[in-house]
Protein backbone atom coordinates (compact mmCIF):
# COMPACT_ATOMS: atom_id res chain seq x y z
CA UNK A 1 11.86 13.27 -14.61
CA UNK A 2 8.34 14.56 -14.58
CA UNK A 3 5.32 13.59 -13.05
CA UNK A 4 1.98 12.87 -15.00
CA UNK A 5 0.35 15.79 -13.15
CA UNK A 6 2.07 19.20 -11.66
CA UNK A 7 0.81 22.59 -9.90
CA UNK A 8 -2.62 21.31 -9.16
CA UNK A 9 -5.37 19.10 -6.53
CA UNK A 10 -5.33 15.61 -6.59
CA UNK A 11 -7.68 13.06 -3.72
CA UNK A 12 -5.53 10.45 -2.60
CA UNK A 13 -5.86 7.93 -0.11
CA UNK A 14 -5.01 5.81 3.10
CA UNK A 15 -6.90 4.52 5.91
CA UNK A 16 -5.55 3.06 8.05
CA UNK A 17 -2.55 1.70 9.56
CA UNK A 18 -0.95 4.47 11.78
CA UNK A 19 2.65 3.72 10.57
CA UNK A 20 1.31 3.28 6.70
CA UNK A 21 -0.83 7.25 7.21
CA UNK A 22 2.51 8.57 8.69
CA UNK A 23 5.02 7.10 5.89
CA UNK A 24 2.51 9.10 3.17
CA UNK A 25 3.67 12.33 4.70
CA UNK A 26 7.10 12.53 3.13
CA UNK A 27 5.95 11.35 -0.29
CA UNK A 28 3.45 14.12 -0.34
CA UNK A 29 5.22 17.00 1.00
CA UNK A 30 8.09 15.51 -2.39
CA UNK A 31 5.43 16.15 -4.55
CA UNK A 32 4.29 19.11 -3.54
CA UNK A 33 7.90 20.40 -3.88
CA UNK A 34 9.06 18.87 -6.73
CA UNK A 35 5.55 19.69 -8.94
CA UNK A 36 3.64 21.77 -7.14
CA UNK A 37 1.17 18.99 -6.29
CA UNK A 38 -1.51 19.71 -3.38
CA UNK A 39 -3.37 16.66 -1.40
CA UNK A 40 -7.16 15.95 -0.32
CA UNK A 41 -6.70 13.55 1.50
CA UNK A 42 -8.81 10.77 2.50
CA UNK A 43 -8.45 8.48 5.74
CA UNK A 44 -9.92 7.59 9.10
CA UNK A 45 -10.47 10.75 11.78
CA UNK A 46 -8.18 9.18 14.19
CA UNK A 47 -5.63 9.67 10.84
CA UNK A 48 -6.70 13.11 10.29
CA UNK A 49 -4.24 14.59 12.80
CA UNK A 50 -1.52 13.29 10.93
CA UNK A 51 -1.67 15.52 7.80
CA UNK A 52 -2.30 18.87 10.02
CA UNK A 53 -0.36 21.99 9.34
CA UNK A 54 1.07 20.28 5.97
CA UNK A 55 2.43 22.11 2.91
CA UNK A 56 0.91 19.25 0.84
CA UNK A 57 -2.60 19.00 2.21
CA UNK A 58 -5.20 21.65 1.52
CA UNK A 59 -8.07 19.13 3.11
CA UNK A 60 -8.44 16.51 5.04
CA UNK A 61 -11.90 13.67 3.50
CA UNK A 62 -12.44 10.79 7.09
CA UNK A 63 -14.23 8.10 6.68
CA UNK A 64 -16.10 6.59 9.91
CA UNK A 65 -16.99 2.97 10.11
CA UNK A 66 -20.45 3.24 9.29
CA UNK A 67 -19.58 3.88 6.10
CA UNK A 68 -16.86 1.33 6.00
CA UNK A 69 -18.75 -1.78 4.78
CA UNK A 70 -20.85 -2.87 1.86
CA UNK A 71 -22.81 -0.92 0.08
CA UNK A 72 -22.47 2.16 2.23
CA UNK A 73 -19.35 1.66 1.29
CA UNK A 74 -20.49 2.32 -2.66
CA UNK A 75 -22.77 5.17 -1.47
CA UNK A 76 -19.85 7.47 0.65
CA UNK A 77 -17.75 6.14 -2.72
CA UNK A 78 -19.73 7.23 -4.52
CA UNK A 79 -20.78 10.90 -3.04
CA UNK A 80 -17.15 11.04 -3.16
CA UNK A 81 -16.73 10.65 -6.98
CA UNK A 82 -19.52 12.94 -7.43
CA UNK A 83 -17.95 16.27 -5.33
CA UNK A 84 -14.36 14.86 -6.41
CA UNK A 85 -14.00 13.01 -9.62
CA UNK A 86 -12.55 15.51 -11.63
CA UNK A 87 -9.13 15.59 -9.28
CA UNK A 88 -6.77 13.20 -9.79
CA UNK A 89 -7.19 9.83 -8.19
CA UNK A 90 -3.65 8.46 -5.93
CA UNK A 91 -4.90 5.84 -3.94
CA UNK A 92 -2.12 4.96 -1.33
CA UNK A 93 -4.11 2.30 0.25
CA UNK A 94 -5.34 -0.01 -2.14
CA UNK A 95 -7.23 -2.89 -1.68
CA UNK A 96 -10.98 -4.44 -2.71
CA UNK A 97 -11.80 -0.96 -0.56
CA UNK A 98 -9.70 1.43 -3.14
CA UNK A 99 -10.78 -1.13 -5.72
CA UNK A 100 -14.82 0.20 -5.90
CA UNK A 101 -13.51 3.76 -5.78
CA UNK A 102 -11.98 3.87 -8.85
CA UNK A 103 -14.27 2.27 -10.75
CA UNK A 104 -16.24 5.29 -9.99
CA UNK A 105 -14.19 7.73 -10.16
CA UNK A 106 -14.12 9.73 -13.35
CA UNK A 107 -10.60 11.08 -13.43
CA UNK A 108 -7.18 10.61 -13.95
CA UNK A 109 -6.39 6.82 -11.72
CA UNK A 110 -2.84 6.38 -9.97
CA UNK A 111 -1.85 3.22 -7.66
CA UNK A 112 0.67 2.13 -6.48
CA UNK A 113 2.47 -1.23 -6.45
CA UNK A 114 1.52 -2.90 -3.01
CA UNK A 115 3.67 -6.63 -3.37
CA UNK A 116 1.72 -8.44 -1.67
CA UNK A 117 2.10 -11.25 -4.37
CA UNK A 118 5.60 -11.02 -3.50
CA UNK A 119 6.14 -10.85 0.26
CA UNK A 120 2.93 -13.28 0.85
CA UNK A 121 5.89 -15.99 -1.88
CA UNK A 122 8.15 -14.31 -0.10
CA UNK A 123 7.01 -15.24 3.56
CA UNK A 124 6.30 -18.66 2.13
CA UNK A 125 10.24 -19.37 0.47
CA UNK A 126 12.50 -16.82 2.17
CA UNK A 127 13.40 -17.07 -1.73
CA UNK A 128 16.86 -14.65 -2.51
CA UNK A 129 15.43 -13.07 -5.31
CA UNK A 130 12.40 -12.60 -3.41
CA UNK A 131 14.08 -10.61 -0.54
CA UNK A 132 16.64 -8.92 -2.82
CA UNK A 133 13.21 -7.40 -4.55
CA UNK A 134 11.53 -5.98 -1.19
CA UNK A 135 14.35 -4.56 0.05
CA UNK A 136 15.26 -2.06 -3.33
CA UNK A 137 12.76 -0.06 -1.74
CA UNK A 138 11.31 0.77 2.01
CA UNK A 139 7.07 1.98 1.47
CA UNK A 140 7.31 5.16 0.70
CA UNK A 141 9.76 4.66 -2.36
CA UNK A 142 6.59 2.13 -3.19
CA UNK A 143 4.22 5.29 -2.67
CA UNK A 144 6.42 7.80 -4.81
CA UNK A 145 6.26 5.29 -7.94
CA UNK A 146 2.14 6.07 -7.64
CA UNK A 147 2.78 8.72 -10.29
CA UNK A 148 7.07 8.31 -10.99
CA UNK A 149 8.47 5.98 -13.15
CA UNK A 150 11.74 5.93 -10.74
CA UNK A 151 11.39 6.10 -7.36
CA UNK A 152 14.05 9.06 -5.28
CA UNK A 153 16.28 7.90 -2.49
CA UNK A 154 15.00 6.99 0.51
CA UNK A 155 16.30 10.38 2.65
CA UNK A 156 13.71 12.57 0.27
CA UNK A 157 10.52 10.27 1.38
CA UNK A 158 11.24 10.72 5.49
CA UNK A 159 7.78 11.44 6.50
CA UNK A 160 7.28 14.70 7.62
CA UNK A 161 5.07 16.61 10.39
CA UNK A 162 4.32 19.57 10.83
CA UNK A 163 4.42 21.00 14.21
CA UNK A 164 2.94 25.00 15.14
CA UNK A 165 5.18 26.78 17.71
CA UNK A 166 2.22 26.54 20.09
CA UNK A 167 2.41 22.69 20.39
CA UNK A 168 6.05 22.57 21.00
CA UNK A 169 5.96 25.41 23.40
CA UNK A 170 2.70 23.27 25.35
CA UNK A 171 6.28 20.14 25.04
CA UNK A 172 8.20 22.26 26.31
CA UNK A 173 5.52 23.24 29.16
CA UNK A 174 5.25 19.70 29.80
CA UNK A 175 8.95 18.82 30.52
CA UNK A 176 9.55 21.28 32.48
CA UNK A 177 6.45 20.46 34.97
CA UNK A 178 7.77 16.66 34.31
CA UNK A 179 11.58 18.38 35.07
CA UNK A 180 12.83 16.81 32.33
CA UNK A 181 14.76 18.28 29.59
CA UNK A 182 15.54 16.09 26.56
CA UNK A 183 14.88 12.59 27.87
CA UNK A 184 14.41 9.31 26.33
CA UNK A 185 11.87 8.26 25.06
CA UNK A 186 9.72 5.03 25.00
CA UNK A 187 7.40 3.32 23.63
CA UNK A 188 7.35 -0.41 24.54
CA UNK A 189 3.73 -0.97 22.86
CA UNK A 190 2.61 -2.38 19.50
CA UNK A 191 -1.00 -3.47 18.09
CA UNK A 192 -0.01 -7.06 18.15
CA UNK A 193 2.07 -7.39 20.88
CA UNK A 194 4.41 -10.31 19.30
CA UNK A 195 6.14 -6.70 17.57
CA UNK A 196 7.76 -5.83 21.64
CA UNK A 197 9.53 -6.91 24.22
CA UNK A 198 7.51 -7.60 27.51
CA UNK A 199 6.42 -5.18 29.67
CA UNK A 200 8.95 -6.80 32.04
CA UNK A 201 11.68 -5.93 30.33
CA UNK A 202 10.84 -3.15 29.83
CA UNK A 203 11.00 -2.15 33.40
CA UNK A 204 14.30 -3.53 34.05
CA UNK A 205 15.01 -1.12 31.70
CA UNK A 206 13.62 2.22 32.90
CA UNK A 207 15.22 0.84 35.50
CA UNK A 208 18.74 0.88 34.43
CA UNK A 209 17.97 3.64 33.35
CA UNK A 210 16.94 6.27 36.23
CA UNK A 211 19.62 3.24 38.29
CA UNK A 212 22.72 5.48 36.01
CA UNK A 213 20.50 9.03 36.03
CA UNK A 214 19.84 9.59 32.39
CA UNK A 215 15.46 10.72 31.87
CA UNK A 216 12.92 9.26 30.71
CA UNK A 217 9.64 9.60 29.25
CA UNK A 218 6.81 6.63 28.25
CA UNK A 219 3.92 8.08 25.68
CA UNK A 220 1.48 5.83 23.91
CA UNK A 221 -1.23 4.11 24.00
CA UNK A 222 -2.45 0.53 25.99
CA UNK A 223 -5.33 0.17 28.50
CA UNK A 224 -2.16 -0.55 30.34
CA UNK A 225 1.01 1.60 31.89
CA UNK A 226 4.27 -0.21 31.98
CA UNK A 227 4.94 2.73 35.25
CA UNK A 228 1.16 2.37 36.90
CA UNK A 229 0.69 6.34 38.78
CA UNK A 230 4.73 8.00 37.76
CA UNK A 231 4.17 11.45 36.33
CA UNK A 232 7.23 10.34 33.75
CA UNK A 233 4.43 7.43 32.19
CA UNK A 234 2.15 9.18 29.34
CA UNK A 235 0.63 6.72 28.30
CA UNK A 236 -3.10 7.17 26.41
CA UNK A 237 -2.49 10.70 28.10
CA UNK A 238 -1.10 12.59 24.39
CA UNK A 239 -3.29 13.10 21.43
CA UNK A 240 -1.32 11.79 17.94
CA UNK A 241 -0.07 15.84 17.80
CA UNK A 242 0.93 16.20 21.33
CA UNK A 243 2.98 12.86 20.83
CA UNK A 244 5.03 14.03 18.00
CA UNK A 245 5.21 17.34 20.18
CA UNK A 246 6.82 16.17 23.01
CA UNK A 247 8.97 13.92 21.25
CA UNK A 248 10.53 16.47 18.66
CA UNK A 249 11.85 17.74 22.05
CA UNK A 250 13.65 14.04 23.78
CA UNK A 251 17.16 12.95 22.85
CA UNK A 252 15.89 9.62 21.31
CA UNK A 253 12.81 6.86 20.80
CA UNK A 254 13.19 3.52 21.05
CA UNK A 255 10.34 1.78 20.29
CA UNK A 256 10.00 -1.77 18.70
CA UNK A 257 8.40 -1.62 15.18
CA UNK A 258 5.24 1.02 15.25
CA UNK A 259 3.01 3.84 14.52
CA UNK A 260 5.63 6.22 17.24
CA UNK A 261 8.58 4.37 15.27
CA UNK A 262 7.30 7.12 12.27
CA UNK A 263 6.69 9.32 13.88
CA UNK A 264 10.01 10.62 15.56
CA UNK A 265 11.12 9.70 12.25
CA UNK A 266 8.93 12.80 11.43
CA UNK A 267 9.67 16.01 13.43
CA UNK A 268 13.39 14.54 13.19
CA UNK A 269 14.41 12.52 17.28
CA UNK A 270 16.72 9.40 16.56
CA UNK A 271 14.79 5.77 17.20
CA UNK A 272 16.17 2.95 18.28
CA UNK A 273 13.84 0.11 16.18
CA UNK A 274 13.66 -3.34 17.80
CA UNK A 275 12.37 -6.09 15.18
CA UNK A 276 11.72 -9.36 16.00
CA UNK A 277 8.66 -10.95 13.13
CA UNK A 278 9.08 -8.66 10.98
CA UNK A 279 11.85 -7.89 8.58
CA UNK A 280 13.39 -5.71 6.61
CA UNK A 281 11.98 -6.70 3.46
CA UNK A 282 8.12 -5.44 4.39
CA UNK A 283 9.84 -2.12 3.85
CA UNK A 284 9.07 -0.27 7.14
CA UNK A 285 12.46 -0.39 8.70
CA UNK A 286 12.35 4.13 10.07
CA UNK A 287 14.61 5.88 7.31
CA UNK A 288 16.31 9.01 9.67
CA UNK A 289 19.50 9.49 8.77
CA UNK A 290 20.50 8.71 12.89
CA UNK A 291 18.02 5.77 13.19
CA UNK A 292 18.82 1.92 13.55
CA UNK A 293 17.39 -0.76 13.62
CA UNK A 294 18.18 -4.14 15.48
CA UNK A 295 16.78 -7.35 14.39
CA UNK A 296 16.57 -10.20 16.64
CA UNK A 297 17.42 -12.99 14.75
CA UNK A 298 14.61 -15.86 13.95
CA UNK A 299 15.04 -18.70 11.63
CA UNK A 300 11.16 -18.31 11.31
CA UNK A 301 11.20 -14.31 10.21
CA UNK A 302 9.51 -13.03 9.01
CA UNK A 303 6.61 -14.87 10.01
CA UNK A 304 3.67 -12.81 9.03
CA UNK A 305 2.76 -9.83 7.40
CA UNK A 306 2.16 -7.65 10.44
CA UNK A 307 3.35 -9.67 13.53
CA UNK A 308 0.17 -10.48 14.30
CA UNK A 309 0.32 -13.70 13.55
CA UNK A 310 0.91 -16.83 16.87
CA UNK A 311 3.93 -18.36 16.41
CA UNK A 312 5.10 -21.96 16.86
CA UNK A 313 8.38 -20.66 19.54
CA UNK A 314 6.21 -18.13 21.47
CA UNK A 315 8.13 -15.00 20.53
CA UNK A 316 11.54 -16.83 20.92
CA UNK A 317 12.80 -13.49 19.17
CA UNK A 318 11.56 -10.68 21.44
CA UNK A 319 11.68 -13.26 24.49
CA UNK A 320 15.60 -12.64 22.93
CA UNK A 321 15.38 -9.13 23.65
CA UNK A 322 17.76 -8.33 26.22
CA UNK A 323 18.26 -5.34 29.36
CA UNK A 324 21.82 -5.56 28.04
CA UNK A 325 20.96 -5.01 23.70
CA UNK A 326 18.53 -1.57 25.01
CA UNK A 327 20.51 0.08 26.62
CA UNK A 328 23.26 -0.11 23.97
CA UNK A 329 20.96 1.03 21.55
CA UNK A 330 20.55 4.37 23.51
CA UNK A 331 23.93 4.49 23.67
CA UNK A 332 24.69 4.44 20.22
CA UNK A 333 21.82 6.93 19.32
CA UNK A 334 23.89 9.16 22.22
CA UNK A 335 27.02 8.37 21.08
């Protein structure tokens, strides 16, 4: 079925967070392929690199923290509407901030179904009918319904990060310098600590991989690296683009529910994802053809919308993740 717009530029909005922004990339590529659409992307400066070199992205408009609140945000939206307001606006963020932008926009406006009420009702009731409704579409499919009457197959909307030849070559040089060839990438961090096993478990996993001769590479951002002083621990040493390029050269990535999980899918690297306080109903499971998910069993899961709330069981879902479980996930990807 044709999209409401074709062969023209639109402005789309995704202000946060890392994983959500990465999940827009496959949708934009799909709309570009099927309808010739290109997009100016409104986002935060930290997320702008996600959209570099993307064939569907004609430009990125960034908004700084000082312009994100109160009257400053309204003034920013007014300037944006004056400059781009004749373009179709595709709101893939949908909150009070973007409501202001939509109210000022003169061109056509489309939004996606965020399912906020359904998610909150499911969080409160765990009703199976709500679970079925939420699992019908993942987040990229929900995005796609901003312009489409029927969601494409999830495989058509997988995130896509478009690396340059220089970025790939630099990643190869980094791995060569470290003496690594197709290592197992480990991302042991999370914005909310309840969404990843403990540092002690990750260190035991790394030791077990070392003992059996597997190469490892630690990636991500955290004030406390998991292997401080180790050349194989690049925590905080790579930006988004360099991280994506390194992930593209890795055998697989093992991580919790995180932004780099989607970054790896976006460069075609298989992912073993460990989920605990968040579940498949939220729509964030990785979608690559070989990606696998281990959902730690817990009668209270999901226990929050983003895995951020304190757990009455002391984060038992992640405390129950064993070294053997993580090694088994890695072995499944290698088989």
